Amino acid sequence: MLKRTLTSIAMGGVLLTGATTAGVADAAYASTPAVTSPVQSTDHGVGTWIRSHRRQIAHAVVTISAKAIGVPAQDLVSELRSGKSIAAVASEHGVSTQAVVSPLVGAADSAVKKAVANHKLTSTAAAKIEAALPGRVTKLVNHVF
C-alpha cells in the first residue's frame, strides 16, 4: 500500500510540475491500462495517467497530510469539504504549513528516486521534478478545494 501511495504521489508531482518528457510518459504509461479518451500531442500520457489515478493521489495526499497534522483522515476530508485548505486545518491544530509540506515532498522524492533506480525515469527529468515539487506541493496545501 505504501509503495502504491508513494508512486501515486510521485506521479501527482509529475502533473504538478508539468513535466512532459518522454521518460516520464513511458513510466506513467507502462503501468496503466489503455484509456479511450484522446491524448493531446503535448501530453505524452502523463495527464491521462493523472486523470485515471486522481483518487489514489488525493487519498495519498489526505492520508499523509492528516498524519502530519495529527487528525484522522475523515476529519481532514470534512474540513476540506467545508471550504478550508490543508494549511488552514493545520494552523487550527497548531501545525505549520511546512510540517505538512515536508512529508508530502519527501514521499514524492523517494518515489521519483525509485523510478530513476528502476530506469522508468531519466535523472534529468527527475531533477526537474524534484526541483519543482516543494513549490507545487506548497501551492496544493494552500489551495481551497
N, C-alpha and C. Protein backbone atom coordinates (compact mmCIF):
# COMPACT_ATOMS: atom_id res chain seq x y z
N MET A 1 0.83 -1.19 0.00
CA MET A 1 0.00 0.00 0.00
C MET A 1 0.87 1.25 0.00
N LEU A 2 1.93 1.27 0.82
CA LEU A 2 2.81 2.42 0.88
C LEU A 2 3.50 2.63 -0.46
N LYS A 3 3.90 1.53 -1.10
CA LYS A 3 4.55 1.61 -2.41
C LYS A 3 3.61 2.26 -3.42
N ARG A 4 2.37 1.86 -3.41
CA ARG A 4 1.38 2.41 -4.33
C ARG A 4 1.13 3.87 -4.02
N THR A 5 1.07 4.22 -2.73
CA THR A 5 0.86 5.60 -2.32
C THR A 5 2.00 6.49 -2.78
N LEU A 6 3.22 6.04 -2.58
CA LEU A 6 4.37 6.85 -2.97
C LEU A 6 4.42 7.03 -4.48
N THR A 7 4.10 6.00 -5.21
CA THR A 7 4.08 6.10 -6.65
C THR A 7 3.02 7.08 -7.11
N SER A 8 1.87 7.04 -6.47
CA SER A 8 0.80 7.97 -6.82
C SER A 8 1.21 9.41 -6.54
N ILE A 9 1.87 9.62 -5.43
CA ILE A 9 2.30 10.97 -5.10
C ILE A 9 3.35 11.46 -6.09
N ALA A 10 4.26 10.60 -6.44
CA ALA A 10 5.30 10.99 -7.40
C ALA A 10 4.67 11.37 -8.74
N MET A 11 3.73 10.58 -9.18
CA MET A 11 3.11 10.90 -10.45
C MET A 11 2.24 12.14 -10.33
N GLY A 12 1.65 12.37 -9.16
CA GLY A 12 0.95 13.62 -8.93
C GLY A 12 1.90 14.79 -9.02
N GLY A 13 3.10 14.58 -8.51
CA GLY A 13 4.13 15.62 -8.62
C GLY A 13 4.50 15.87 -10.07
N VAL A 14 4.49 14.83 -10.86
CA VAL A 14 4.76 15.00 -12.28
C VAL A 14 3.71 15.90 -12.90
N LEU A 15 2.45 15.69 -12.56
CA LEU A 15 1.40 16.55 -13.08
C LEU A 15 1.59 17.97 -12.59
N LEU A 16 1.88 18.10 -11.32
CA LEU A 16 2.03 19.43 -10.75
C LEU A 16 3.19 20.19 -11.36
N THR A 17 4.24 19.51 -11.72
CA THR A 17 5.40 20.18 -12.31
C THR A 17 5.21 20.43 -13.79
N GLY A 18 4.25 19.79 -14.39
CA GLY A 18 4.01 19.98 -15.80
C GLY A 18 5.02 19.27 -16.68
N ALA A 19 5.68 18.29 -16.14
CA ALA A 19 6.70 17.57 -16.91
C ALA A 19 6.03 16.75 -18.00
N THR A 20 6.59 16.84 -19.18
CA THR A 20 6.03 16.07 -20.28
C THR A 20 7.15 15.40 -21.07
N THR A 21 8.19 14.98 -20.38
CA THR A 21 9.28 14.33 -21.07
C THR A 21 8.90 12.91 -21.43
N ALA A 22 9.56 12.37 -22.41
CA ALA A 22 9.24 11.02 -22.87
C ALA A 22 9.49 9.99 -21.79
N GLY A 23 10.52 10.15 -20.99
CA GLY A 23 10.82 9.19 -19.94
C GLY A 23 9.70 9.13 -18.91
N VAL A 24 9.14 10.27 -18.56
CA VAL A 24 8.04 10.31 -17.62
C VAL A 24 6.82 9.65 -18.23
N ALA A 25 6.58 9.94 -19.48
CA ALA A 25 5.42 9.36 -20.14
C ALA A 25 5.54 7.84 -20.20
N ASP A 26 6.72 7.34 -20.48
CA ASP A 26 6.91 5.89 -20.52
C ASP A 26 6.65 5.28 -19.16
N ALA A 27 7.12 5.94 -18.10
CA ALA A 27 6.92 5.42 -16.75
C ALA A 27 5.44 5.42 -16.40
N ALA A 28 4.74 6.47 -16.77
CA ALA A 28 3.33 6.57 -16.44
C ALA A 28 2.50 5.62 -17.29
N TYR A 29 2.83 5.50 -18.54
CA TYR A 29 2.03 4.71 -19.45
C TYR A 29 2.23 3.22 -19.26
N ALA A 30 3.40 2.80 -18.81
CA ALA A 30 3.72 1.39 -18.70
C ALA A 30 2.86 0.68 -17.69
N SER A 31 2.41 1.38 -16.65
CA SER A 31 1.69 0.70 -15.58
C SER A 31 0.18 0.93 -15.62
N THR A 32 -0.33 1.59 -16.66
CA THR A 32 -1.75 1.89 -16.68
C THR A 32 -2.43 1.22 -17.86
N PRO A 33 -3.69 0.89 -17.70
CA PRO A 33 -4.44 0.34 -18.82
C PRO A 33 -4.73 1.43 -19.84
N ALA A 34 -5.09 1.00 -21.04
CA ALA A 34 -5.40 1.95 -22.09
C ALA A 34 -6.63 2.77 -21.72
N VAL A 35 -6.59 4.03 -22.07
CA VAL A 35 -7.71 4.93 -21.81
C VAL A 35 -8.31 5.28 -23.16
N THR A 36 -9.62 5.33 -23.23
CA THR A 36 -10.27 5.54 -24.51
C THR A 36 -10.30 7.00 -24.94
N SER A 37 -10.07 7.94 -24.03
CA SER A 37 -10.10 9.35 -24.41
C SER A 37 -8.84 9.71 -25.18
N PRO A 38 -8.97 10.62 -26.16
CA PRO A 38 -7.80 11.01 -26.94
C PRO A 38 -6.82 11.81 -26.09
N VAL A 39 -5.53 11.66 -26.39
CA VAL A 39 -4.48 12.35 -25.67
C VAL A 39 -3.88 13.40 -26.58
N GLN A 40 -3.71 14.62 -26.07
CA GLN A 40 -3.11 15.67 -26.87
C GLN A 40 -1.65 15.33 -27.13
N SER A 41 -1.10 15.85 -28.22
CA SER A 41 0.26 15.51 -28.60
C SER A 41 1.29 15.99 -27.60
N THR A 42 1.02 17.07 -26.85
CA THR A 42 1.98 17.56 -25.86
C THR A 42 1.82 16.87 -24.52
N ASP A 43 0.80 16.08 -24.37
CA ASP A 43 0.50 15.43 -23.09
C ASP A 43 1.42 14.24 -22.83
N HIS A 44 1.71 13.44 -23.82
CA HIS A 44 2.55 12.25 -23.70
C HIS A 44 2.03 11.24 -22.69
N GLY A 45 0.74 11.25 -22.38
CA GLY A 45 0.16 10.28 -21.49
C GLY A 45 0.18 10.62 -20.02
N VAL A 46 0.92 11.64 -19.61
CA VAL A 46 1.02 11.99 -18.20
C VAL A 46 -0.32 12.48 -17.67
N GLY A 47 -0.96 13.38 -18.39
CA GLY A 47 -2.25 13.90 -17.97
C GLY A 47 -3.30 12.80 -17.92
N THR A 48 -3.26 11.91 -18.87
CA THR A 48 -4.19 10.79 -18.89
C THR A 48 -3.99 9.90 -17.67
N TRP A 49 -2.72 9.65 -17.35
CA TRP A 49 -2.42 8.82 -16.18
C TRP A 49 -2.93 9.50 -14.91
N ILE A 50 -2.69 10.78 -14.79
CA ILE A 50 -3.13 11.51 -13.60
C ILE A 50 -4.65 11.50 -13.49
N ARG A 51 -5.35 11.76 -14.58
CA ARG A 51 -6.81 11.75 -14.53
C ARG A 51 -7.34 10.39 -14.11
N SER A 52 -6.71 9.32 -14.56
CA SER A 52 -7.20 7.99 -14.21
C SER A 52 -6.80 7.57 -12.80
N HIS A 53 -5.83 8.26 -12.19
CA HIS A 53 -5.38 7.91 -10.84
C HIS A 53 -5.60 9.03 -9.82
N ARG A 54 -6.43 10.00 -10.14
CA ARG A 54 -6.57 11.15 -9.25
C ARG A 54 -7.12 10.79 -7.88
N ARG A 55 -7.95 9.79 -7.80
CA ARG A 55 -8.47 9.39 -6.49
C ARG A 55 -7.37 8.79 -5.61
N GLN A 56 -6.51 7.99 -6.20
CA GLN A 56 -5.39 7.42 -5.44
C GLN A 56 -4.45 8.52 -4.97
N ILE A 57 -4.20 9.48 -5.83
CA ILE A 57 -3.31 10.59 -5.47
C ILE A 57 -3.95 11.41 -4.36
N ALA A 58 -5.22 11.73 -4.50
CA ALA A 58 -5.92 12.51 -3.47
C ALA A 58 -5.92 11.76 -2.14
N HIS A 59 -6.15 10.46 -2.20
CA HIS A 59 -6.14 9.65 -0.97
C HIS A 59 -4.78 9.71 -0.30
N ALA A 60 -3.72 9.60 -1.08
CA ALA A 60 -2.37 9.64 -0.52
C ALA A 60 -2.07 11.01 0.10
N VAL A 61 -2.48 12.07 -0.58
CA VAL A 61 -2.25 13.42 -0.04
C VAL A 61 -3.00 13.61 1.26
N VAL A 62 -4.25 13.18 1.30
CA VAL A 62 -5.05 13.32 2.52
C VAL A 62 -4.46 12.48 3.65
N THR A 63 -4.07 11.26 3.36
CA THR A 63 -3.52 10.37 4.39
C THR A 63 -2.24 10.94 4.99
N ILE A 64 -1.33 11.37 4.15
CA ILE A 64 -0.06 11.90 4.64
C ILE A 64 -0.28 13.22 5.37
N SER A 65 -1.14 14.08 4.83
CA SER A 65 -1.42 15.36 5.47
C SER A 65 -2.09 15.18 6.83
N ALA A 66 -3.06 14.28 6.90
CA ALA A 66 -3.76 14.04 8.17
C ALA A 66 -2.79 13.52 9.22
N LYS A 67 -1.88 12.64 8.83
CA LYS A 67 -0.89 12.12 9.77
C LYS A 67 0.02 13.25 10.26
N ALA A 68 0.44 14.13 9.35
CA ALA A 68 1.31 15.24 9.72
C ALA A 68 0.59 16.21 10.67
N ILE A 69 -0.69 16.42 10.45
CA ILE A 69 -1.46 17.34 11.29
C ILE A 69 -1.83 16.67 12.61
N GLY A 70 -2.02 15.37 12.59
CA GLY A 70 -2.39 14.64 13.80
C GLY A 70 -3.88 14.50 13.97
N VAL A 71 -4.60 14.42 12.85
CA VAL A 71 -6.05 14.24 12.89
C VAL A 71 -6.41 13.03 12.03
N PRO A 72 -7.56 12.42 12.27
CA PRO A 72 -7.99 11.33 11.39
C PRO A 72 -8.25 11.86 9.98
N ALA A 73 -8.02 11.04 9.00
CA ALA A 73 -8.20 11.44 7.60
C ALA A 73 -9.64 11.88 7.33
N GLN A 74 -10.61 11.22 7.95
CA GLN A 74 -12.01 11.58 7.75
C GLN A 74 -12.29 13.01 8.23
N ASP A 75 -11.67 13.40 9.33
CA ASP A 75 -11.85 14.76 9.85
C ASP A 75 -11.24 15.78 8.90
N LEU A 76 -10.08 15.46 8.33
CA LEU A 76 -9.45 16.36 7.38
C LEU A 76 -10.32 16.51 6.14
N VAL A 77 -10.87 15.43 5.65
CA VAL A 77 -11.74 15.48 4.48
C VAL A 77 -12.96 16.35 4.77
N SER A 78 -13.54 16.21 5.95
CA SER A 78 -14.70 17.03 6.33
C SER A 78 -14.34 18.51 6.32
N GLU A 79 -13.18 18.83 6.85
CA GLU A 79 -12.73 20.22 6.88
C GLU A 79 -12.49 20.75 5.46
N LEU A 80 -11.91 19.93 4.60
CA LEU A 80 -11.67 20.35 3.22
C LEU A 80 -12.99 20.57 2.49
N ARG A 81 -13.96 19.72 2.74
CA ARG A 81 -15.27 19.87 2.10
C ARG A 81 -16.01 21.11 2.59
N SER A 82 -15.68 21.57 3.79
CA SER A 82 -16.34 22.77 4.31
C SER A 82 -15.70 24.05 3.77
N GLY A 83 -14.69 23.93 2.93
CA GLY A 83 -14.12 25.10 2.28
C GLY A 83 -12.79 25.57 2.85
N LYS A 84 -12.10 24.72 3.56
CA LYS A 84 -10.80 25.09 4.12
C LYS A 84 -9.68 24.43 3.31
N SER A 85 -8.50 25.00 3.41
CA SER A 85 -7.33 24.39 2.79
C SER A 85 -6.65 23.49 3.81
N ILE A 86 -5.74 22.66 3.34
CA ILE A 86 -4.98 21.80 4.26
C ILE A 86 -4.17 22.67 5.21
N ALA A 87 -3.62 23.78 4.70
CA ALA A 87 -2.83 24.69 5.53
C ALA A 87 -3.68 25.31 6.63
N ALA A 88 -4.93 25.67 6.32
CA ALA A 88 -5.83 26.25 7.31
C ALA A 88 -6.14 25.24 8.42
N VAL A 89 -6.38 24.01 8.04
CA VAL A 89 -6.65 22.96 9.02
C VAL A 89 -5.42 22.74 9.90
N ALA A 90 -4.26 22.74 9.27
CA ALA A 90 -3.02 22.55 10.03
C ALA A 90 -2.82 23.67 11.03
N SER A 91 -3.04 24.91 10.61
CA SER A 91 -2.84 26.04 11.53
C SER A 91 -3.84 26.01 12.68
N GLU A 92 -5.05 25.53 12.44
CA GLU A 92 -6.04 25.38 13.52
C GLU A 92 -5.58 24.38 14.57
N HIS A 93 -4.76 23.43 14.16
CA HIS A 93 -4.26 22.41 15.08
C HIS A 93 -2.84 22.71 15.55
N GLY A 94 -2.37 23.92 15.29
CA GLY A 94 -1.05 24.33 15.76
C GLY A 94 0.11 23.71 15.00
N VAL A 95 -0.12 23.34 13.75
CA VAL A 95 0.91 22.72 12.93
C VAL A 95 1.24 23.68 11.78
N SER A 96 2.52 23.87 11.52
CA SER A 96 2.91 24.78 10.45
C SER A 96 2.66 24.15 9.09
N THR A 97 2.53 25.00 8.10
CA THR A 97 2.33 24.53 6.73
C THR A 97 3.52 23.68 6.28
N GLN A 98 4.72 24.11 6.67
CA GLN A 98 5.93 23.38 6.27
C GLN A 98 5.95 21.98 6.86
N ALA A 99 5.38 21.80 8.02
CA ALA A 99 5.32 20.47 8.63
C ALA A 99 4.42 19.52 7.85
N VAL A 100 3.53 20.06 7.05
CA VAL A 100 2.67 19.25 6.19
C VAL A 100 3.33 19.06 4.82
N VAL A 101 3.96 20.12 4.33
CA VAL A 101 4.58 20.07 3.00
C VAL A 101 5.76 19.09 2.99
N SER A 102 6.57 19.10 4.03
CA SER A 102 7.79 18.27 4.05
C SER A 102 7.53 16.78 3.85
N PRO A 103 6.58 16.17 4.58
CA PRO A 103 6.35 14.73 4.33
C PRO A 103 5.79 14.44 2.94
N LEU A 104 4.99 15.36 2.41
CA LEU A 104 4.46 15.15 1.06
C LEU A 104 5.59 15.20 0.03
N VAL A 105 6.46 16.18 0.17
CA VAL A 105 7.60 16.29 -0.75
C VAL A 105 8.54 15.10 -0.57
N GLY A 106 8.76 14.70 0.67
CA GLY A 106 9.63 13.55 0.93
C GLY A 106 9.12 12.27 0.31
N ALA A 107 7.81 12.04 0.41
CA ALA A 107 7.23 10.84 -0.19
C ALA A 107 7.35 10.88 -1.71
N ALA A 108 7.11 12.04 -2.30
CA ALA A 108 7.22 12.15 -3.75
C ALA A 108 8.67 12.01 -4.20
N ASP A 109 9.60 12.61 -3.46
CA ASP A 109 11.02 12.49 -3.80
C ASP A 109 11.48 11.04 -3.78
N SER A 110 11.07 10.30 -2.75
CA SER A 110 11.50 8.91 -2.67
C SER A 110 10.92 8.08 -3.82
N ALA A 111 9.70 8.37 -4.23
CA ALA A 111 9.10 7.65 -5.35
C ALA A 111 9.79 8.01 -6.65
N VAL A 112 10.18 9.27 -6.81
CA VAL A 112 10.91 9.69 -8.02
C VAL A 112 12.26 8.99 -8.07
N LYS A 113 12.95 8.94 -6.94
CA LYS A 113 14.26 8.26 -6.90
C LYS A 113 14.12 6.79 -7.22
N LYS A 114 13.05 6.17 -6.76
CA LYS A 114 12.82 4.76 -7.05
C LYS A 114 12.56 4.57 -8.55
N ALA A 115 11.83 5.50 -9.16
CA ALA A 115 11.57 5.41 -10.59
C ALA A 115 12.86 5.55 -11.39
N VAL A 116 13.77 6.39 -10.92
CA VAL A 116 15.08 6.53 -11.59
C VAL A 116 15.86 5.23 -11.42
N ALA A 117 15.85 4.66 -10.23
CA ALA A 117 16.58 3.41 -9.98
C ALA A 117 16.05 2.26 -10.82
N ASN A 118 14.75 2.29 -11.09
CA ASN A 118 14.12 1.24 -11.91
C ASN A 118 14.16 1.57 -13.40
N HIS A 119 14.86 2.63 -13.76
CA HIS A 119 15.02 3.07 -15.15
C HIS A 119 13.70 3.39 -15.82
N LYS A 120 12.76 3.92 -15.05
CA LYS A 120 11.48 4.34 -15.60
C LYS A 120 11.42 5.86 -15.75
N LEU A 121 12.46 6.53 -15.29
CA LEU A 121 12.52 7.98 -15.33
C LEU A 121 13.98 8.38 -15.48
N THR A 122 14.24 9.34 -16.34
CA THR A 122 15.63 9.77 -16.52
C THR A 122 16.04 10.66 -15.35
N SER A 123 17.33 10.72 -15.10
CA SER A 123 17.81 11.55 -13.99
C SER A 123 17.59 13.03 -14.27
N THR A 124 17.61 13.42 -15.53
CA THR A 124 17.34 14.82 -15.89
C THR A 124 15.89 15.17 -15.57
N ALA A 125 14.98 14.32 -15.96
CA ALA A 125 13.56 14.55 -15.67
C ALA A 125 13.32 14.53 -14.16
N ALA A 126 13.97 13.62 -13.47
CA ALA A 126 13.82 13.52 -12.02
C ALA A 126 14.31 14.80 -11.34
N ALA A 127 15.41 15.34 -11.80
CA ALA A 127 15.94 16.58 -11.22
C ALA A 127 14.96 17.73 -11.41
N LYS A 128 14.34 17.81 -12.58
CA LYS A 128 13.34 18.86 -12.82
C LYS A 128 12.13 18.69 -11.91
N ILE A 129 11.68 17.47 -11.76
CA ILE A 129 10.53 17.19 -10.91
C ILE A 129 10.85 17.53 -9.46
N GLU A 130 11.99 17.06 -8.98
CA GLU A 130 12.37 17.29 -7.58
C GLU A 130 12.57 18.77 -7.29
N ALA A 131 13.05 19.53 -8.27
CA ALA A 131 13.25 20.96 -8.07
C ALA A 131 11.91 21.70 -7.96
N ALA A 132 10.92 21.24 -8.69
CA ALA A 132 9.63 21.92 -8.70
C ALA A 132 8.68 21.45 -7.61
N LEU A 133 8.92 20.29 -7.04
CA LEU A 133 7.98 19.73 -6.06
C LEU A 133 7.68 20.62 -4.86
N PRO A 134 8.66 21.19 -4.17
CA PRO A 134 8.33 21.98 -2.98
C PRO A 134 7.35 23.12 -3.26
N GLY A 135 7.56 23.84 -4.34
CA GLY A 135 6.66 24.94 -4.68
C GLY A 135 5.27 24.46 -5.04
N ARG A 136 5.22 23.39 -5.82
CA ARG A 136 3.92 22.87 -6.25
C ARG A 136 3.14 22.25 -5.10
N VAL A 137 3.83 21.54 -4.22
CA VAL A 137 3.15 20.94 -3.08
C VAL A 137 2.67 22.03 -2.13
N THR A 138 3.46 23.08 -1.94
CA THR A 138 3.04 24.20 -1.09
C THR A 138 1.77 24.83 -1.66
N LYS A 139 1.74 24.99 -2.97
CA LYS A 139 0.54 25.54 -3.63
C LYS A 139 -0.65 24.62 -3.40
N LEU A 140 -0.45 23.33 -3.50
CA LEU A 140 -1.53 22.36 -3.28
C LEU A 140 -2.04 22.43 -1.84
N VAL A 141 -1.13 22.52 -0.87
CA VAL A 141 -1.52 22.56 0.54
C VAL A 141 -2.30 23.84 0.85
N ASN A 142 -2.00 24.92 0.18
CA ASN A 142 -2.69 26.19 0.41
C ASN A 142 -3.95 26.35 -0.41
N HIS A 143 -4.23 25.44 -1.32
CA HIS A 143 -5.40 25.51 -2.20
C HIS A 143 -6.67 25.19 -1.43
N VAL A 144 -7.72 25.98 -1.68
CA VAL A 144 -9.03 25.71 -1.08
C VAL A 144 -9.81 24.87 -2.08
N PHE A 145 -10.26 23.70 -1.65
CA PHE A 145 -10.96 22.78 -2.53
C PHE A 145 -12.45 23.05 -2.53
